[in-house]
Amino acid sequence: MASTKEYRDFVLEQLSEVPDVTCRPMMGEFLLYSAGVLFGGIYDDRLLVKIVPENEQYKMTEEIPYDGAKPMYFVEDIDNKEELVEIVKNTIEGLLNKK
C-alpha cells in the first residue's frame, strides 16, 4: 500500500519548525530529509524515523518500513507537533553525531 499525498502533506505541515525539511518520492513512499540528512520516511501512511541513541528516550516501537529494510522507530502521535519536532530534531542530532 502506498502512502497518500494527504498524509505526506500533514506530516510536512507538522514538521514546519524543523529546518530545511524536504521530501522525495520513492516507489509510492516518501523519504524525509533535513538539510540533506535522511532522517526518516513515510511508509504506508506511517511516519518512521531512523533509530539513534538520541531518540530512544521516546519509547517508540520498532517497525520495518518495507521487506528487507532495517527497523525504524514508528512515530505514532504525529498530532502532537511539539513532541514530533523534538523527536525529529533529536534524530537528526544523533545522525550528525554518527558522522
PDB file of N, CA and C in Angstrom:
ATOM      1  N   MET A   1       0.833  -1.178   0.000  1.00  0.00           N
ATOM      2  CA  MET A   1       0.000   0.000   0.000  1.00  0.00           C
ATOM      3  C   MET A   1       0.878   1.241   0.000  1.00  0.00           C
ATOM      4  N   ALA A   2       0.670   2.128  -0.888  1.00  0.00           N
ATOM      5  CA  ALA A   2       1.443   3.367  -0.982  1.00  0.00           C
ATOM      6  C   ALA A   2       0.891   4.412  -0.011  1.00  0.00           C
ATOM      7  N   SER A   3       1.734   5.352   0.329  1.00  0.00           N
ATOM      8  CA  SER A   3       1.321   6.447   1.198  1.00  0.00           C
ATOM      9  C   SER A   3       0.543   7.490   0.399  1.00  0.00           C
ATOM     10  N   THR A   4      -0.361   8.170   1.090  1.00  0.00           N
ATOM     11  CA  THR A   4      -1.170   9.181   0.422  1.00  0.00           C
ATOM     12  C   THR A   4      -0.492  10.548   0.483  1.00  0.00           C
ATOM     13  N   LYS A   5      -0.782  11.356  -0.497  1.00  0.00           N
ATOM     14  CA  LYS A   5      -0.246  12.723  -0.522  1.00  0.00           C
ATOM     15  C   LYS A   5      -0.836  13.555   0.611  1.00  0.00           C
ATOM     16  N   GLU A   6      -2.048  13.239   1.016  1.00  0.00           N
ATOM     17  CA  GLU A   6      -2.681  13.963   2.123  1.00  0.00           C
ATOM     18  C   GLU A   6      -1.922  13.726   3.427  1.00  0.00           C
ATOM     19  N   TYR A   7      -1.545  12.472   3.675  1.00  0.00           N
ATOM     20  CA  TYR A   7      -0.772  12.156   4.881  1.00  0.00           C
ATOM     21  C   TYR A   7       0.591  12.837   4.810  1.00  0.00           C
ATOM     22  N   ARG A   8       1.238  12.764   3.654  1.00  0.00           N
ATOM     23  CA  ARG A   8       2.530  13.430   3.459  1.00  0.00           C
ATOM     24  C   ARG A   8       2.422  14.915   3.752  1.00  0.00           C
ATOM     25  N   ASP A   9       1.399  15.561   3.205  1.00  0.00           N
ATOM     26  CA  ASP A   9       1.229  16.998   3.411  1.00  0.00           C
ATOM     27  C   ASP A   9       1.026  17.332   4.883  1.00  0.00           C
ATOM     28  N   PHE A  10       0.258  16.489   5.592  1.00  0.00           N
ATOM     29  CA  PHE A  10       0.036  16.723   7.015  1.00  0.00           C
ATOM     30  C   PHE A  10       1.346  16.591   7.799  1.00  0.00           C
ATOM     31  N   VAL A  11       2.126  15.558   7.500  1.00  0.00           N
ATOM     32  CA  VAL A  11       3.414  15.370   8.182  1.00  0.00           C
ATOM     33  C   VAL A  11       4.327  16.566   7.917  1.00  0.00           C
ATOM     34  N   LEU A  12       4.406  16.997   6.677  1.00  0.00           N
ATOM     35  CA  LEU A  12       5.262  18.146   6.351  1.00  0.00           C
ATOM     36  C   LEU A  12       4.798  19.412   7.063  1.00  0.00           C
ATOM     37  N   GLU A  13       3.500  19.584   7.182  1.00  0.00           N
ATOM     38  CA  GLU A  13       2.965  20.729   7.926  1.00  0.00           C
ATOM     39  C   GLU A  13       3.364  20.648   9.396  1.00  0.00           C
ATOM     40  N   GLN A  14       3.275  19.464   9.970  1.00  0.00           N
ATOM     41  CA  GLN A  14       3.649  19.266  11.371  1.00  0.00           C
ATOM     42  C   GLN A  14       5.149  19.494  11.592  1.00  0.00           C
ATOM     43  N   LEU A  15       5.952  19.258  10.562  1.00  0.00           N
ATOM     44  CA  LEU A  15       7.408  19.416  10.672  1.00  0.00           C
ATOM     45  C   LEU A  15       7.886  20.796  10.224  1.00  0.00           C
ATOM     46  N   SER A  16       6.981  21.736  10.116  1.00  0.00           N
ATOM     47  CA  SER A  16       7.343  23.071   9.603  1.00  0.00           C
ATOM     48  C   SER A  16       8.384  23.786  10.459  1.00  0.00           C
ATOM     49  N   GLU A  17       8.534  23.397  11.724  1.00  0.00           N
ATOM     50  CA  GLU A  17       9.525  24.035  12.601  1.00  0.00           C
ATOM     51  C   GLU A  17      10.897  23.350  12.546  1.00  0.00           C
ATOM     52  N   VAL A  18      11.007  22.278  11.786  1.00  0.00           N
ATOM     53  CA  VAL A  18      12.300  21.612  11.600  1.00  0.00           C
ATOM     54  C   VAL A  18      12.969  22.269  10.393  1.00  0.00           C
ATOM     55  N   PRO A  19      14.220  22.709  10.541  1.00  0.00           N
ATOM     56  CA  PRO A  19      14.878  23.433   9.445  1.00  0.00           C
ATOM     57  C   PRO A  19      15.041  22.610   8.167  1.00  0.00           C
ATOM     58  N   ASP A  20      14.762  23.248   7.050  1.00  0.00           N
ATOM     59  CA  ASP A  20      15.067  22.719   5.719  1.00  0.00           C
ATOM     60  C   ASP A  20      14.545  21.310   5.459  1.00  0.00           C
ATOM     61  N   VAL A  21      13.323  21.009   5.851  1.00  0.00           N
ATOM     62  CA  VAL A  21      12.760  19.679   5.591  1.00  0.00           C
ATOM     63  C   VAL A  21      12.358  19.589   4.124  1.00  0.00           C
ATOM     64  N   THR A  22      12.813  18.506   3.502  1.00  0.00           N
ATOM     65  CA  THR A  22      12.413  18.215   2.129  1.00  0.00           C
ATOM     66  C   THR A  22      11.911  16.784   2.066  1.00  0.00           C
ATOM     67  N   CYS A  23      11.165  16.516   1.025  1.00  0.00           N
ATOM     68  CA  CYS A  23      10.537  15.210   0.854  1.00  0.00           C
ATOM     69  C   CYS A  23      10.771  14.749  -0.579  1.00  0.00           C
ATOM     70  N   ARG A  24      11.213  13.507  -0.718  1.00  0.00           N
ATOM     71  CA  ARG A  24      11.435  12.942  -2.053  1.00  0.00           C
ATOM     72  C   ARG A  24      10.609  11.672  -2.211  1.00  0.00           C
ATOM     73  N   PRO A  25       9.872  11.570  -3.302  1.00  0.00           N
ATOM     74  CA  PRO A  25       9.096  10.347  -3.529  1.00  0.00           C
ATOM     75  C   PRO A  25      10.017   9.167  -3.849  1.00  0.00           C
ATOM     76  N   MET A  26       9.614   7.979  -3.381  1.00  0.00           N
ATOM     77  CA  MET A  26      10.371   6.763  -3.668  1.00  0.00           C
ATOM     78  C   MET A  26       9.402   5.586  -3.708  1.00  0.00           C
ATOM     79  N   MET A  27       9.092   5.121  -4.901  1.00  0.00           N
ATOM     80  CA  MET A  27       8.283   3.917  -5.090  1.00  0.00           C
ATOM     81  C   MET A  27       6.976   3.955  -4.286  1.00  0.00           C
ATOM     82  N   GLY A  28       6.261   5.047  -4.358  1.00  0.00           N
ATOM     83  CA  GLY A  28       4.979   5.168  -3.676  1.00  0.00           C
ATOM     84  C   GLY A  28       5.079   5.615  -2.235  1.00  0.00           C
ATOM     85  N   GLU A  29       6.288   5.789  -1.757  1.00  0.00           N
ATOM     86  CA  GLU A  29       6.514   6.243  -0.388  1.00  0.00           C
ATOM     87  C   GLU A  29       7.286   7.567  -0.453  1.00  0.00           C
ATOM     88  N   PHE A  30       7.687   8.107   0.712  1.00  0.00           N
ATOM     89  CA  PHE A  30       8.365   9.397   0.742  1.00  0.00           C
ATOM     90  C   PHE A  30       9.542   9.370   1.716  1.00  0.00           C
ATOM     91  N   LEU A  31      10.704   9.810   1.255  1.00  0.00           N
ATOM     92  CA  LEU A  31      11.877   9.942   2.110  1.00  0.00           C
ATOM     93  C   LEU A  31      11.928  11.366   2.644  1.00  0.00           C
ATOM     94  N   LEU A  32      12.300  11.509   3.921  1.00  0.00           N
ATOM     95  CA  LEU A  32      12.337  12.823   4.562  1.00  0.00           C
ATOM     96  C   LEU A  32      13.762  13.203   4.925  1.00  0.00           C
ATOM     97  N   TYR A  33      14.126  14.424   4.573  1.00  0.00           N
ATOM     98  CA  TYR A  33      15.458  14.957   4.806  1.00  0.00           C
ATOM     99  C   TYR A  33      15.358  16.292   5.541  1.00  0.00           C
ATOM    100  N   SER A  34      16.399  16.616   6.286  1.00  0.00           N
ATOM    101  CA  SER A  34      16.553  17.957   6.849  1.00  0.00           C
ATOM    102  C   SER A  34      17.979  18.384   6.547  1.00  0.00           C
ATOM    103  N   ALA A  35      18.106  19.465   5.788  1.00  0.00           N
ATOM    104  CA  ALA A  35      19.421  19.973   5.384  1.00  0.00           C
ATOM    105  C   ALA A  35      20.275  18.855   4.785  1.00  0.00           C
ATOM    106  N   GLY A  36      19.648  18.006   3.975  1.00  0.00           N
ATOM    107  CA  GLY A  36      20.367  16.937   3.295  1.00  0.00           C
ATOM    108  C   GLY A  36      20.560  15.671   4.101  1.00  0.00           C
ATOM    109  N   VAL A  37      20.124  15.639   5.376  1.00  0.00           N
ATOM    110  CA  VAL A  37      20.277  14.458   6.225  1.00  0.00           C
ATOM    111  C   VAL A  37      18.991  13.636   6.167  1.00  0.00           C
ATOM    112  N   LEU A  38      19.097  12.391   5.694  1.00  0.00           N
ATOM    113  CA  LEU A  38      17.951  11.486   5.639  1.00  0.00           C
ATOM    114  C   LEU A  38      17.649  11.021   7.059  1.00  0.00           C
ATOM    115  N   PHE A  39      16.522  11.471   7.612  1.00  0.00           N
ATOM    116  CA  PHE A  39      16.192  11.117   8.997  1.00  0.00           C
ATOM    117  C   PHE A  39      15.029  10.143   9.105  1.00  0.00           C
ATOM    118  N   GLY A  40      14.270   9.964   8.040  1.00  0.00           N
ATOM    119  CA  GLY A  40      13.137   9.054   8.119  1.00  0.00           C
ATOM    120  C   GLY A  40      12.350   9.025   6.829  1.00  0.00           C
ATOM    121  N   GLY A  41      11.137   8.530   6.938  1.00  0.00           N
ATOM    122  CA  GLY A  41      10.294   8.453   5.764  1.00  0.00           C
ATOM    123  C   GLY A  41       8.860   8.147   6.123  1.00  0.00           C
ATOM    124  N   ILE A  42       8.028   8.232   5.115  1.00  0.00           N
ATOM    125  CA  ILE A  42       6.617   7.903   5.253  1.00  0.00           C
ATOM    126  C   ILE A  42       6.390   6.626   4.453  1.00  0.00           C
ATOM    127  N   TYR A  43       5.987   5.574   5.160  1.00  0.00           N
ATOM    128  CA  TYR A  43       5.789   4.258   4.562  1.00  0.00           C
ATOM    129  C   TYR A  43       4.401   3.758   4.948  1.00  0.00           C
ATOM    130  N   ASP A  44       3.563   3.496   3.977  1.00  0.00           N
ATOM    131  CA  ASP A  44       2.193   3.017   4.234  1.00  0.00           C
ATOM    132  C   ASP A  44       1.472   3.930   5.229  1.00  0.00           C
ATOM    133  N   ASP A  45       1.585   5.233   5.007  1.00  0.00           N
ATOM    134  CA  ASP A  45       0.982   6.239   5.884  1.00  0.00           C
ATOM    135  C   ASP A  45       1.404   6.078   7.342  1.00  0.00           C
ATOM    136  N   ARG A  46       2.676   5.757   7.543  1.00  0.00           N
ATOM    137  CA  ARG A  46       3.294   5.712   8.879  1.00  0.00           C
ATOM    138  C   ARG A  46       4.552   6.556   8.807  1.00  0.00           C
ATOM    139  N   LEU A  47       4.751   7.418   9.796  1.00  0.00           N
ATOM    140  CA  LEU A  47       5.989   8.185   9.886  1.00  0.00           C
ATOM    141  C   LEU A  47       6.996   7.351  10.662  1.00  0.00           C
ATOM    142  N   LEU A  48       8.102   7.025  10.018  1.00  0.00           N
ATOM    143  CA  LEU A  48       9.173   6.265  10.653  1.00  0.00           C
ATOM    144  C   LEU A  48      10.443   7.093  10.639  1.00  0.00           C
ATOM    145  N   VAL A  49      11.208   7.031  11.755  1.00  0.00           N
ATOM    146  CA  VAL A  49      12.488   7.730  11.837  1.00  0.00           C
ATOM    147  C   VAL A  49      13.586   6.721  12.143  1.00  0.00           C
ATOM    148  N   LYS A  50      14.789   7.071  11.737  1.00  0.00           N
ATOM    149  CA  LYS A  50      15.929   6.197  11.987  1.00  0.00           C
ATOM    150  C   LYS A  50      16.167   6.056  13.486  1.00  0.00           C
ATOM    151  N   ILE A  51      16.705   4.925  13.875  1.00  0.00           N
ATOM    152  CA  ILE A  51      16.981   4.643  15.283  1.00  0.00           C
ATOM    153  C   ILE A  51      18.381   5.137  15.627  1.00  0.00           C
ATOM    154  N   VAL A  52      18.444   6.032  16.601  1.00  0.00           N
ATOM    155  CA  VAL A  52      19.711   6.544  17.136  1.00  0.00           C
ATOM    156  C   VAL A  52      19.566   6.648  18.654  1.00  0.00           C
ATOM    157  N   PRO A  53      20.676   6.626  19.398  1.00  0.00           N
ATOM    158  CA  PRO A  53      20.574   6.734  20.859  1.00  0.00           C
ATOM    159  C   PRO A  53      19.808   7.982  21.326  1.00  0.00           C
ATOM    160  N   GLU A  54      19.889   9.045  20.571  1.00  0.00           N
ATOM    161  CA  GLU A  54      19.259  10.308  20.960  1.00  0.00           C
ATOM    162  C   GLU A  54      17.731  10.283  20.918  1.00  0.00           C
ATOM    163  N   ASN A  55      17.122   9.274  20.267  1.00  0.00           N
ATOM    164  CA  ASN A  55      15.658   9.225  20.252  1.00  0.00           C
ATOM    165  C   ASN A  55      15.085   8.002  20.983  1.00  0.00           C
ATOM    166  N   GLU A  56      15.941   7.240  21.658  1.00  0.00           N
ATOM    167  CA  GLU A  56      15.475   6.066  22.398  1.00  0.00           C
ATOM    168  C   GLU A  56      14.583   6.446  23.575  1.00  0.00           C
ATOM    169  N   GLN A  57      14.767   7.643  24.114  1.00  0.00           N
ATOM    170  CA  GLN A  57      14.017   8.091  25.292  1.00  0.00           C
ATOM    171  C   GLN A  57      12.509   8.173  25.055  1.00  0.00           C
ATOM    172  N   TYR A  58      12.085   8.207  23.807  1.00  0.00           N
ATOM    173  CA  TYR A  58      10.663   8.358  23.500  1.00  0.00           C
ATOM    174  C   TYR A  58       9.897   7.038  23.503  1.00  0.00           C
ATOM    175  N   LYS A  59      10.599   5.930  23.691  1.00  0.00           N
ATOM    176  CA  LYS A  59       9.974   4.601  23.815  1.00  0.00           C
ATOM    177  C   LYS A  59       9.034   4.278  22.653  1.00  0.00           C
ATOM    178  N   MET A  60       9.494   4.557  21.430  1.00  0.00           N
ATOM    179  CA  MET A  60       8.700   4.252  20.240  1.00  0.00           C
ATOM    180  C   MET A  60       8.893   2.789  19.866  1.00  0.00           C
ATOM    181  N   THR A  61       7.926   2.232  19.173  1.00  0.00           N
ATOM    182  CA  THR A  61       8.034   0.841  18.741  1.00  0.00           C
ATOM    183  C   THR A  61       8.838   0.764  17.446  1.00  0.00           C
ATOM    184  N   GLU A  62       9.532  -0.340  17.284  1.00  0.00           N
ATOM    185  CA  GLU A  62      10.285  -0.573  16.057  1.00  0.00           C
ATOM    186  C   GLU A  62       9.368  -1.208  15.015  1.00  0.00           C
ATOM    187  N   GLU A  63       9.482  -0.723  13.795  1.00  0.00           N
ATOM    188  CA  GLU A  63       8.734  -1.301  12.685  1.00  0.00           C
ATOM    189  C   GLU A  63       9.640  -1.375  11.468  1.00  0.00           C
ATOM    190  N   ILE A  64       9.301  -2.267  10.567  1.00  0.00           N
ATOM    191  CA  ILE A  64      10.049  -2.439   9.324  1.00  0.00           C
ATOM    192  C   ILE A  64       9.331  -1.643   8.239  1.00  0.00           C
ATOM    193  N   PRO A  65      10.029  -0.694   7.594  1.00  0.00           N
ATOM    194  CA  PRO A  65       9.362   0.123   6.576  1.00  0.00           C
ATOM    195  C   PRO A  65       8.936  -0.674   5.344  1.00  0.00           C
ATOM    196  N   TYR A  66       9.754  -1.643   4.940  1.00  0.00           N
ATOM    197  CA  TYR A  66       9.462  -2.485   3.781  1.00  0.00           C
ATOM    198  C   TYR A  66      10.332  -3.725   3.892  1.00  0.00           C
ATOM    199  N   ASP A  67       9.993  -4.773   3.169  1.00  0.00           N
ATOM    200  CA  ASP A  67      10.734  -6.036   3.239  1.00  0.00           C
ATOM    201  C   ASP A  67      12.219  -5.819   2.981  1.00  0.00           C
ATOM    202  N   GLY A  68      13.024  -6.371   3.850  1.00  0.00           N
ATOM    203  CA  GLY A  68      14.473  -6.304   3.695  1.00  0.00           C
ATOM    204  C   GLY A  68      15.122  -5.062   4.287  1.00  0.00           C
ATOM    205  N   ALA A  69      14.332  -4.155   4.848  1.00  0.00           N
ATOM    206  CA  ALA A  69      14.884  -2.909   5.414  1.00  0.00           C
ATOM    207  C   ALA A  69      15.212  -3.081   6.894  1.00  0.00           C
ATOM    208  N   LYS A  70      16.076  -2.206   7.378  1.00  0.00           N
ATOM    209  CA  LYS A  70      16.391  -2.169   8.805  1.00  0.00           C
ATOM    210  C   LYS A  70      15.199  -1.598   9.567  1.00  0.00           C
ATOM    211  N   PRO A  71      15.037  -2.017  10.825  1.00  0.00           N
ATOM    212  CA  PRO A  71      13.940  -1.452  11.624  1.00  0.00           C
ATOM    213  C   PRO A  71      14.128   0.057  11.826  1.00  0.00           C
ATOM    214  N   MET A  72      13.004   0.729  11.990  1.00  0.00           N
ATOM    215  CA  MET A  72      12.981   2.158  12.277  1.00  0.00           C
ATOM    216  C   MET A  72      11.967   2.364  13.402  1.00  0.00           C
ATOM    217  N   TYR A  73      11.999   3.544  14.023  1.00  0.00           N
ATOM    218  CA  TYR A  73      11.011   3.860  15.041  1.00  0.00           C
ATOM    219  C   TYR A  73       9.755   4.437  14.403  1.00  0.00           C
ATOM    220  N   PHE A  74       8.598   3.967  14.883  1.00  0.00           N
ATOM    221  CA  PHE A  74       7.301   4.444  14.421  1.00  0.00           C
ATOM    222  C   PHE A  74       6.855   5.598  15.313  1.00  0.00           C
ATOM    223  N   VAL A  75       6.664   6.768  14.710  1.00  0.00           N
ATOM    224  CA  VAL A  75       6.175   7.932  15.441  1.00  0.00           C
ATOM    225  C   VAL A  75       4.657   7.882  15.365  1.00  0.00           C
ATOM    226  N   GLU A  76       4.053   7.421  16.438  1.00  0.00           N
ATOM    227  CA  GLU A  76       2.619   7.160  16.426  1.00  0.00           C
ATOM    228  C   GLU A  76       1.786   8.439  16.528  1.00  0.00           C
ATOM    229  N   ASP A  77       2.165   9.346  17.415  1.00  0.00           N
ATOM    230  CA  ASP A  77       1.350  10.535  17.670  1.00  0.00           C
ATOM    231  C   ASP A  77       1.887  11.731  16.888  1.00  0.00           C
ATOM    232  N   ILE A  78       1.552  11.796  15.616  1.00  0.00           N
ATOM    233  CA  ILE A  78       2.034  12.927  14.809  1.00  0.00           C
ATOM    234  C   ILE A  78       1.180  14.168  15.017  1.00  0.00           C
ATOM    235  N   ASP A  79       0.077  14.034  15.755  1.00  0.00           N
ATOM    236  CA  ASP A  79      -0.753  15.201  16.061  1.00  0.00           C
ATOM    237  C   ASP A  79      -0.096  16.098  17.110  1.00  0.00           C
ATOM    238  N   ASN A  80       0.779  15.533  17.935  1.00  0.00           N
ATOM    239  CA  ASN A  80       1.489  16.296  18.958  1.00  0.00           C
ATOM    240  C   ASN A  80       2.712  16.946  18.301  1.00  0.00           C
ATOM    241  N   LYS A  81       2.487  18.116  17.728  1.00  0.00           N
ATOM    242  CA  LYS A  81       3.521  18.780  16.924  1.00  0.00           C
ATOM    243  C   LYS A  81       4.790  19.056  17.729  1.00  0.00           C
ATOM    244  N   GLU A  82       4.639  19.505  18.960  1.00  0.00           N
ATOM    245  CA  GLU A  82       5.801  19.842  19.790  1.00  0.00           C
ATOM    246  C   GLU A  82       6.706  18.636  20.007  1.00  0.00           C
ATOM    247  N   GLU A  83       6.104  17.500  20.383  1.00  0.00           N
ATOM    248  CA  GLU A  83       6.908  16.295  20.608  1.00  0.00           C
ATOM    249  C   GLU A  83       7.477  15.764  19.293  1.00  0.00           C
ATOM    250  N   LEU A  84       6.681  15.820  18.231  1.00  0.00           N
ATOM    251  CA  LEU A  84       7.145  15.348  16.929  1.00  0.00           C
ATOM    252  C   LEU A  84       8.397  16.111  16.486  1.00  0.00           C
ATOM    253  N   VAL A  85       8.367  17.417  16.598  1.00  0.00           N
ATOM    254  CA  VAL A  85       9.519  18.243  16.217  1.00  0.00           C
ATOM    255  C   VAL A  85      10.727  17.883  17.078  1.00  0.00           C
ATOM    256  N   GLU A  86      10.499  17.669  18.371  1.00  0.00           N
ATOM    257  CA  GLU A  86      11.586  17.295  19.286  1.00  0.00           C
ATOM    258  C   GLU A  86      12.195  15.943  18.888  1.00  0.00           C
ATOM    259  N   ILE A  87      11.338  14.970  18.581  1.00  0.00           N
ATOM    260  CA  ILE A  87      11.814  13.643  18.163  1.00  0.00           C
ATOM    261  C   ILE A  87      12.676  13.766  16.914  1.00  0.00           C
ATOM    262  N   VAL A  88      12.190  14.505  15.924  1.00  0.00           N
ATOM    263  CA  VAL A  88      12.916  14.625  14.658  1.00  0.00           C
ATOM    264  C   VAL A  88      14.229  15.374  14.854  1.00  0.00           C
ATOM    265  N   LYS A  89      14.226  16.446  15.630  1.00  0.00           N
ATOM    266  CA  LYS A  89      15.469  17.186  15.878  1.00  0.00           C
ATOM    267  C   LYS A  89      16.491  16.318  16.611  1.00  0.00           C
ATOM    268  N   ASN A  90      16.035  15.522  17.575  1.00  0.00           N
ATOM    269  CA  ASN A  90      16.951  14.614  18.275  1.00  0.00           C
ATOM    270  C   ASN A  90      17.468  13.516  17.353  1.00  0.00           C
ATOM    271  N   THR A  91      16.623  13.042  16.452  1.00  0.00           N
ATOM    272  CA  THR A  91      17.049  12.032  15.478  1.00  0.00           C
ATOM    273  C   THR A  91      18.135  12.600  14.567  1.00  0.00           C
ATOM    274  N   ILE A  92      17.924  13.800  14.075  1.00  0.00           N
ATOM    275  CA  ILE A  92      18.917  14.440  13.194  1.00  0.00           C
ATOM    276  C   ILE A  92      20.213  14.658  13.948  1.00  0.00           C
ATOM    277  N   GLU A  93      20.117  15.118  15.193  1.00  0.00           N
ATOM    278  CA  GLU A  93      21.332  15.306  16.004  1.00  0.00           C
ATOM    279  C   GLU A  93      22.106  13.998  16.142  1.00  0.00           C
ATOM    280  N   GLY A  94      21.373  12.912  16.394  1.00  0.00           N
ATOM    281  CA  GLY A  94      22.023  11.609  16.513  1.00  0.00           C
ATOM    282  C   GLY A  94      22.690  11.159  15.234  1.00  0.00           C
ATOM    283  N   LEU A  95      22.056  11.428  14.102  1.00  0.00           N
ATOM    284  CA  LEU A  95      22.642  11.060  12.814  1.00  0.00           C
ATOM    285  C   LEU A  95      23.894  11.895  12.515  1.00  0.00           C
ATOM    286  N   LEU A  96      23.853  13.163  12.882  1.00  0.00           N
ATOM    287  CA  LEU A  96      25.033  14.023  12.666  1.00  0.00           C
ATOM    288  C   LEU A  96      26.186  13.621  13.592  1.00  0.00           C
ATOM    289  N   ASN A  97      25.856  13.142  14.791  1.00  0.00           N
ATOM    290  CA  ASN A  97      26.888  12.689  15.736  1.00  0.00           C
ATOM    291  C   ASN A  97      27.585  11.428  15.245  1.00  0.00           C
ATOM    292  N   LYS A  98      26.901  10.629  14.420  1.00  0.00           N
ATOM    293  CA  LYS A  98      27.490   9.389  13.888  1.00  0.00           C
ATOM    294  C   LYS A  98      28.608   9.685  12.883  1.00  0.00           C
ATOM    295  N   LYS A  99      28.503  10.841  12.211  1.00  0.00           N
ATOM    296  CA  LYS A  99      29.458  11.166  11.136  1.00  0.00           C
ATOM    297  C   LYS A  99      30.804  11.520  11.683  1.00  0.00           C
TER     298      LYS A  99
END
